[in-house]
């Protein structure tokens, strides 16, 4: 028996391309800087989880990016949420903008103090891909402008808000909402099965977005077992169809449940996972070291899908900031300790100047 097999042609879908690292088709999350962290995008057939920040403000922004990218590329959309009206979420999606219209940094004259700080970071590369438009897969979006109703009407879209009834006869969950949601996803995903090859018809992608699965509105007697079973079946559906699934989880609430290890088991059922640590309401919000950022982005999990090794980011020290028009992820650059004003117009003594016994004109703290 021959060990050679004919190589299958790559899946050609609008809004996708072959990964430079693994060769498998990937799609954009809608945010180029997030795509760059994970090697250019997320593979088709993957489940991406976001551990929500405390107030779910920033995870909701990434959800909007994911859905807006699907609308621009004419992908089918499935959106489920119990926390918010799914249709209202779709109406708040941002509009795409031309990359050439992005804000470009101005090269104004720098003050001596700025130049003294800036030289330390001249050789550090940026995570934000707005300076590298040639390498981007997705689009840029303006968060200050909402999508038009005409664009939404043209979209192939299905929503789930918990009012739908179950379709299958079997009962796999204690909470009927999980069964109803799973049935609705499977019904929407049927035309996107990997074995469906309609002649003369271009293949398309289904983007599944599940907002805040595991919030208190989902709690029931066997909540933990239902959620784990649901994610297991969901992952099987995504693998068998041309789908990419984004799910947000309020993991900070799971610590109040009497279910040890639930968070770790849920993450094991996903392919990629990031955590958003917001500074709102914490000591870091007033810490001058983090004044340029709104939170930290933690890379929790990266799987090796259809490849021998997983992609390794350049750095795991990442932070994010939300501007009026965009959400930016950057390498965490902490300001150097250059001393503070002593209240008399001069600079206070720095530790580097006081390590020797002879102060050289500056009185040393080690002198007796």
Protein backbone atom coordinates (compact mmCIF):
# COMPACT_ATOMS: atom_id res chain seq x y z
CA UNK A 1 0.00 0.00 0.00
CA UNK A 2 1.37 3.38 -1.00
CA UNK A 3 2.14 5.93 1.68
CA UNK A 4 1.61 8.85 -0.66
CA UNK A 5 -1.67 10.72 -0.79
CA UNK A 6 -2.85 13.36 -3.20
CA UNK A 7 -2.72 16.74 -1.56
CA UNK A 8 -6.14 18.32 -1.23
CA UNK A 9 -6.52 21.86 -2.59
CA UNK A 10 -6.72 24.60 0.00
CA UNK A 11 -10.13 25.94 0.92
CA UNK A 12 -10.78 29.17 -0.97
CA UNK A 13 -13.08 31.45 1.02
CA UNK A 14 -13.43 35.19 0.83
CA UNK A 15 -11.68 36.82 3.78
CA UNK A 16 -9.29 33.90 4.37
CA UNK A 17 -5.76 33.02 3.36
CA UNK A 18 -3.12 30.40 4.06
CA UNK A 19 -1.18 30.88 7.28
CA UNK A 20 2.50 31.73 6.86
CA UNK A 21 3.31 29.43 9.78
CA UNK A 22 1.20 26.32 9.20
CA UNK A 23 -0.25 26.70 5.69
CA UNK A 24 -3.81 26.14 6.90
CA UNK A 25 -6.57 28.64 6.02
CA UNK A 26 -7.03 31.36 8.61
CA UNK A 27 -9.50 34.21 9.03
CA UNK A 28 -9.25 37.52 10.82
CA UNK A 29 -10.78 38.32 14.19
CA UNK A 30 -11.55 41.80 12.89
CA UNK A 31 -8.72 43.39 14.88
CA UNK A 32 -5.34 43.29 13.06
CA UNK A 33 -3.32 43.73 16.24
CA UNK A 34 -5.04 40.71 17.84
CA UNK A 35 -4.45 38.69 14.66
CA UNK A 36 -0.75 39.52 14.83
CA UNK A 37 -0.49 38.15 18.37
CA UNK A 38 -1.74 34.75 17.14
CA UNK A 39 0.31 34.55 13.95
CA UNK A 40 -1.90 36.40 11.50
CA UNK A 41 -5.37 35.07 12.31
CA UNK A 42 -7.34 32.10 13.58
CA UNK A 43 -7.72 28.78 11.70
CA UNK A 44 -11.04 27.77 10.22
CA UNK A 45 -12.61 25.20 12.51
CA UNK A 46 -11.24 26.72 15.72
CA UNK A 47 -12.95 27.79 18.94
CA UNK A 48 -11.64 31.06 20.41
CA UNK A 49 -12.49 31.95 23.99
CA UNK A 50 -12.27 35.35 25.66
CA UNK A 51 -12.19 35.57 29.43
CA UNK A 52 -14.28 38.67 29.97
CA UNK A 53 -13.08 41.68 31.90
CA UNK A 54 -14.94 42.55 35.07
CA UNK A 55 -17.57 44.74 33.40
CA UNK A 56 -17.40 43.04 29.96
CA UNK A 57 -16.76 46.39 28.27
CA UNK A 58 -13.66 45.40 26.32
CA UNK A 59 -14.70 41.83 25.50
CA UNK A 60 -17.83 43.31 23.91
CA UNK A 61 -15.62 45.46 21.66
CA UNK A 62 -13.71 42.40 20.39
CA UNK A 63 -17.05 40.71 19.77
CA UNK A 64 -18.10 43.63 17.58
CA UNK A 65 -14.86 43.37 15.61
CA UNK A 66 -15.42 39.66 15.00
CA UNK A 67 -18.97 40.17 13.73
CA UNK A 68 -18.15 43.24 11.65
CA UNK A 69 -15.36 41.37 9.87
CA UNK A 70 -17.86 38.69 8.92
CA UNK A 71 -20.31 41.26 7.53
CA UNK A 72 -17.62 42.87 5.37
CA UNK A 73 -16.58 39.50 3.90
CA UNK A 74 -20.19 38.34 3.34
CA UNK A 75 -19.78 35.52 5.85
CA UNK A 76 -22.83 33.97 7.46
CA UNK A 77 -23.41 35.10 11.06
CA UNK A 78 -24.85 33.30 14.06
CA UNK A 79 -25.12 35.39 17.21
CA UNK A 80 -26.44 34.17 20.56
CA UNK A 81 -26.87 36.14 23.77
CA UNK A 82 -29.04 36.16 26.88
CA UNK A 83 -27.44 39.26 28.38
CA UNK A 84 -28.35 41.59 25.50
CA UNK A 85 -30.71 41.67 22.57
CA UNK A 86 -28.69 40.08 19.72
CA UNK A 87 -30.32 42.31 17.12
CA UNK A 88 -29.37 45.43 19.07
CA UNK A 89 -25.78 44.14 19.24
CA UNK A 90 -25.71 43.78 15.46
CA UNK A 91 -26.93 47.36 15.00
CA UNK A 92 -23.97 48.64 17.04
CA UNK A 93 -21.29 47.05 14.84
CA UNK A 94 -18.56 49.42 13.59
CA UNK A 95 -18.10 50.40 9.96
CA UNK A 96 -14.98 49.56 7.92
CA UNK A 97 -12.58 52.31 6.90
CA UNK A 98 -9.85 52.55 4.31
CA UNK A 99 -6.42 51.69 5.82
CA UNK A 100 -4.99 54.80 4.15
CA UNK A 101 -7.32 56.89 6.29
CA UNK A 102 -5.87 55.60 9.54
CA UNK A 103 -4.34 58.11 11.89
CA UNK A 104 -0.65 58.47 11.23
CA UNK A 105 1.73 59.56 13.97
CA UNK A 106 2.99 63.08 13.47
CA UNK A 107 6.70 63.73 13.62
CA UNK A 108 6.74 66.85 15.71
CA UNK A 109 9.81 68.13 17.44
CA UNK A 110 10.38 66.27 20.65
CA UNK A 111 11.38 67.90 23.89
CA UNK A 112 14.69 66.88 25.48
CA UNK A 113 12.76 64.96 28.16
CA UNK A 114 10.76 63.00 25.53
CA UNK A 115 13.91 62.25 23.53
CA UNK A 116 15.65 60.96 26.66
CA UNK A 117 12.79 58.48 27.20
CA UNK A 118 12.13 57.59 23.57
CA UNK A 119 15.62 56.32 22.75
CA UNK A 120 15.06 53.37 25.05
CA UNK A 121 12.28 52.05 22.79
CA UNK A 122 13.64 52.85 19.34
CA UNK A 123 14.60 49.24 18.67
CA UNK A 124 11.38 47.67 19.97
CA UNK A 125 8.83 46.53 17.38
CA UNK A 126 5.14 47.34 17.71
CA UNK A 127 2.38 44.79 18.06
CA UNK A 128 -0.15 47.18 16.54
CA UNK A 129 -0.30 46.38 12.83
CA UNK A 130 -1.57 49.78 11.76
CA UNK A 131 2.02 50.47 10.76
CA UNK A 132 2.15 47.25 8.69
CA UNK A 133 -0.88 47.33 6.36
CA UNK A 134 0.72 44.96 3.85
CA UNK A 135 0.67 42.07 6.33
CA UNK A 136 -2.90 42.44 7.56
CA UNK A 137 -5.65 39.96 6.75
CA UNK A 138 -8.66 41.76 8.14
CA UNK A 139 -10.04 45.26 7.86
CA UNK A 140 -9.86 48.41 9.95
CA UNK A 141 -13.04 49.56 11.64
CA UNK A 142 -14.20 52.85 13.09
CA UNK A 143 -15.85 52.25 16.46
CA UNK A 144 -17.38 55.73 16.44
CA UNK A 145 -19.60 54.94 13.42
CA UNK A 146 -22.29 52.26 13.41
CA UNK A 147 -23.08 49.97 10.51
CA UNK A 148 -25.92 50.96 8.18
CA UNK A 149 -29.22 49.13 8.23
CA UNK A 150 -28.91 48.34 4.52
CA UNK A 151 -25.75 46.33 5.19
CA UNK A 152 -27.46 44.35 7.94
CA UNK A 153 -30.43 43.53 5.72
CA UNK A 154 -28.12 41.99 3.11
CA UNK A 155 -26.31 39.81 5.68
CA UNK A 156 -26.97 36.08 6.07
CA UNK A 157 -27.69 36.28 9.76
CA UNK A 158 -29.35 34.17 12.46
CA UNK A 159 -29.82 35.15 16.10
CA UNK A 160 -30.67 33.27 19.29
CA UNK A 161 -32.01 34.99 22.38
CA UNK A 162 -33.26 32.07 24.47
CA UNK A 163 -36.86 32.17 23.30
CA UNK A 164 -36.38 29.43 20.70
CA UNK A 165 -37.54 25.90 21.49
CA UNK A 166 -35.52 22.72 21.13
CA UNK A 167 -35.63 20.88 17.82
CA UNK A 168 -34.19 17.47 18.70
CA UNK A 169 -36.10 14.87 20.69
CA UNK A 170 -33.16 13.89 22.86
CA UNK A 171 -32.43 15.55 26.18
CA UNK A 172 -28.70 15.96 26.78
CA UNK A 173 -28.86 18.88 29.22
CA UNK A 174 -30.64 19.73 32.44
CA UNK A 175 -31.04 23.29 31.18
CA UNK A 176 -33.10 23.35 27.97
CA UNK A 177 -31.40 26.57 26.88
CA UNK A 178 -28.19 24.68 26.12
CA UNK A 179 -30.07 22.16 24.00
CA UNK A 180 -31.97 24.89 22.18
CA UNK A 181 -28.78 26.81 21.43
CA UNK A 182 -26.95 23.72 20.22
CA UNK A 183 -29.85 22.75 17.94
CA UNK A 184 -29.97 26.25 16.46
CA UNK A 185 -26.22 26.24 15.78
CA UNK A 186 -26.38 22.83 14.12
CA UNK A 187 -29.32 23.90 11.95
CA UNK A 188 -27.48 27.04 10.78
CA UNK A 189 -24.23 25.12 10.17
CA UNK A 190 -25.68 22.37 7.95
CA UNK A 191 -24.99 24.13 4.61
CA UNK A 192 -21.37 24.71 5.71
CA UNK A 193 -20.40 21.06 6.23
CA UNK A 194 -16.91 20.36 4.93
CA UNK A 195 -18.25 17.61 2.62
CA UNK A 196 -20.78 19.88 0.94
CA UNK A 197 -19.26 20.85 -2.39
CA UNK A 198 -21.89 22.50 -4.55
CA UNK A 199 -20.65 22.84 -8.13
CA UNK A 200 -20.41 26.36 -9.46
CA UNK A 201 -21.03 27.88 -6.03
CA UNK A 202 -18.34 29.64 -4.04
CA UNK A 203 -17.83 28.22 -0.56
CA UNK A 204 -18.46 30.45 2.40
CA UNK A 205 -17.75 30.61 6.13
CA UNK A 206 -20.03 30.70 9.17
CA UNK A 207 -18.99 32.90 12.07
CA UNK A 208 -20.51 31.78 15.38
CA UNK A 209 -20.46 34.27 18.24
CA UNK A 210 -21.71 33.27 21.70
CA UNK A 211 -21.86 36.21 24.06
CA UNK A 212 -21.28 35.73 27.81
CA UNK A 213 -21.99 31.99 28.01
CA UNK A 214 -21.95 31.09 31.68
CA UNK A 215 -23.41 34.29 33.07
CA UNK A 216 -25.91 34.03 35.98
CA UNK A 217 -28.76 33.80 33.46
CA UNK A 218 -27.47 30.32 32.56
CA UNK A 219 -27.18 29.00 36.12
CA UNK A 220 -29.05 25.83 36.97
CA UNK A 221 -28.64 22.79 39.19
CA UNK A 222 -26.17 21.05 36.86
CA UNK A 223 -24.74 24.20 35.30
CA UNK A 224 -21.09 23.08 35.29
CA UNK A 225 -21.81 19.69 33.71
CA UNK A 226 -24.13 21.25 31.12
CA UNK A 227 -21.58 23.90 30.14
CA UNK A 228 -18.77 21.36 29.75
CA UNK A 229 -20.97 19.05 27.68
CA UNK A 230 -22.13 21.96 25.55
CA UNK A 231 -18.59 23.10 24.73
CA UNK A 232 -17.58 19.53 23.88
CA UNK A 233 -20.43 19.16 21.38
CA UNK A 234 -19.92 22.68 20.05
CA UNK A 235 -16.27 21.98 19.30
CA UNK A 236 -17.26 18.83 17.37
CA UNK A 237 -19.72 20.86 15.27
CA UNK A 238 -17.15 23.55 14.50
CA UNK A 239 -14.58 20.94 13.45
CA UNK A 240 -16.97 19.35 10.95
CA UNK A 241 -18.07 22.58 9.32
CA UNK A 242 -16.50 25.64 7.75
CA UNK A 243 -16.93 27.64 10.93
CA UNK A 244 -15.01 29.84 13.31
CA UNK A 245 -16.47 30.28 16.77
CA UNK A 246 -15.88 33.11 19.26
CA UNK A 247 -17.20 32.61 22.78
CA UNK A 248 -16.91 34.96 25.75
CA UNK A 249 -16.86 33.51 29.26
CA UNK A 250 -17.29 35.46 32.54
CA UNK A 251 -14.69 33.31 34.28
CA UNK A 252 -14.30 35.84 37.11
CA UNK A 253 -17.76 34.73 38.30
CA UNK A 254 -16.90 31.04 38.36
CA UNK A 255 -14.89 31.44 41.56
CA UNK A 256 -18.17 31.96 43.41
CA UNK A 257 -19.42 28.54 42.30
CA UNK A 258 -18.67 25.38 44.22
CA UNK A 259 -17.00 23.86 41.17
CA UNK A 260 -13.21 23.62 41.61
CA UNK A 261 -11.27 23.37 38.37
CA UNK A 262 -14.19 24.46 36.18
CA UNK A 263 -12.27 27.29 34.54
CA UNK A 264 -9.31 25.08 33.63
CA UNK A 265 -11.57 22.38 32.17
CA UNK A 266 -13.41 24.93 30.05
CA UNK A 267 -10.16 26.34 28.66
CA UNK A 268 -9.02 22.82 27.75
CA UNK A 269 -12.06 22.54 25.47
CA UNK A 270 -11.06 25.62 23.46
CA UNK A 271 -8.30 26.08 20.89
CA UNK A 272 -7.31 29.65 21.69
CA UNK A 273 -7.97 31.67 24.80
CA UNK A 274 -7.14 35.20 25.90
CA UNK A 275 -7.92 36.96 29.15
CA UNK A 276 -8.76 40.64 29.47
CA UNK A 277 -7.67 42.22 32.76
CA UNK A 278 -9.22 45.66 33.01
CA UNK A 279 -7.70 48.34 35.23
CA UNK A 280 -11.15 49.77 36.04
CA UNK A 281 -11.82 49.61 39.75
CA UNK A 282 -8.32 48.36 40.61
CA UNK A 283 -5.16 49.99 42.00
CA UNK A 284 -3.57 49.91 38.55
CA UNK A 285 -6.13 52.41 37.31
CA UNK A 286 -4.39 55.19 39.26
CA UNK A 287 -0.87 53.80 38.91
CA UNK A 288 1.17 56.20 36.74
CA UNK A 289 3.09 53.25 35.28
CA UNK A 290 -0.06 52.10 33.45
CA UNK A 291 -1.53 55.49 32.60
CA UNK A 292 -1.28 54.86 28.84
CA UNK A 293 -3.29 51.61 28.95
CA UNK A 294 -6.74 50.42 29.96
CA UNK A 295 -5.82 46.84 30.78
CA UNK A 296 -3.63 43.81 30.20
CA UNK A 297 -4.15 41.09 27.61
CA UNK A 298 -3.13 37.63 28.81
CA UNK A 299 -2.48 34.87 26.28
CA UNK A 300 -3.93 31.86 28.10
CA UNK A 301 -3.82 29.14 25.43
CA UNK A 302 -2.57 28.57 21.87
CA UNK A 303 -3.17 25.16 20.28
CA UNK A 304 -1.21 23.47 17.51
CA UNK A 305 -4.04 22.92 15.03
CA UNK A 306 -3.10 20.74 12.04
CA UNK A 307 0.57 21.45 12.70
CA UNK A 308 3.42 19.96 14.69
CA UNK A 309 4.05 22.99 16.88
CA UNK A 310 1.95 25.87 18.10
CA UNK A 311 2.71 29.44 17.10
CA UNK A 312 4.77 31.29 19.72
CA UNK A 313 4.14 35.05 20.05
CA UNK A 314 7.06 37.44 20.18
CA UNK A 315 6.10 38.48 23.69
CA UNK A 316 3.44 37.75 26.29
CA UNK A 317 3.70 41.20 27.90
CA UNK A 318 0.72 42.76 26.16
CA UNK A 319 -1.57 45.64 27.05
CA UNK A 320 -4.55 47.23 25.36
CA UNK A 321 -6.15 50.64 25.19
CA UNK A 322 -9.51 51.68 23.83
CA UNK A 323 -9.55 54.90 21.89
CA UNK A 324 -12.54 56.68 20.46
CA UNK A 325 -12.24 54.98 17.07
CA UNK A 326 -10.22 51.81 17.67
CA UNK A 327 -9.05 49.13 20.07
CA UNK A 328 -5.25 48.75 20.07
CA UNK A 329 -3.05 45.96 21.46
CA UNK A 330 0.59 46.80 22.09
CA UNK A 331 3.64 45.48 23.85
CA UNK A 332 3.64 46.62 27.45
CA UNK A 333 6.17 49.46 27.70
CA UNK A 334 6.62 50.69 31.26
CA UNK A 335 8.14 54.16 31.67
CA UNK A 336 11.72 54.20 33.02
CA UNK A 337 12.37 55.52 36.50
CA UNK A 338 14.17 58.76 35.67
CA UNK A 339 13.50 60.49 38.95
CA UNK A 340 10.81 62.86 40.11
CA UNK A 341 10.69 66.56 40.79
CA UNK A 342 11.88 67.48 44.24
CA UNK A 343 9.45 70.40 44.48
CA UNK A 344 12.20 73.03 43.83
CA UNK A 345 12.32 72.80 40.05
CA UNK A 346 15.09 70.20 39.99
CA UNK A 347 15.24 66.41 39.83
CA UNK A 348 15.58 64.22 42.88
CA UNK A 349 18.64 62.04 43.29
CA UNK A 350 18.51 58.80 41.35
CA UNK A 351 19.65 55.49 42.74
CA UNK A 352 22.23 55.11 39.98
CA UNK A 353 23.92 58.29 41.18
CA UNK A 354 24.10 57.16 44.78
CA UNK A 355 25.60 53.70 44.48
CA UNK A 356 29.22 54.85 44.82
CA UNK A 357 30.79 56.07 48.03
CA UNK A 358 32.11 59.24 46.41
CA UNK A 359 29.24 61.37 45.18
CA UNK A 360 31.28 63.38 42.64
CA UNK A 361 29.60 66.59 43.71
CA UNK A 362 26.41 64.80 44.76
CA UNK A 363 26.20 63.73 48.34
CA UNK A 364 25.93 59.92 48.46
CA UNK A 365 23.42 58.15 50.66
CA UNK A 366 26.21 55.73 51.57
CA UNK A 367 28.42 58.41 53.09
CA UNK A 368 28.52 58.51 56.86
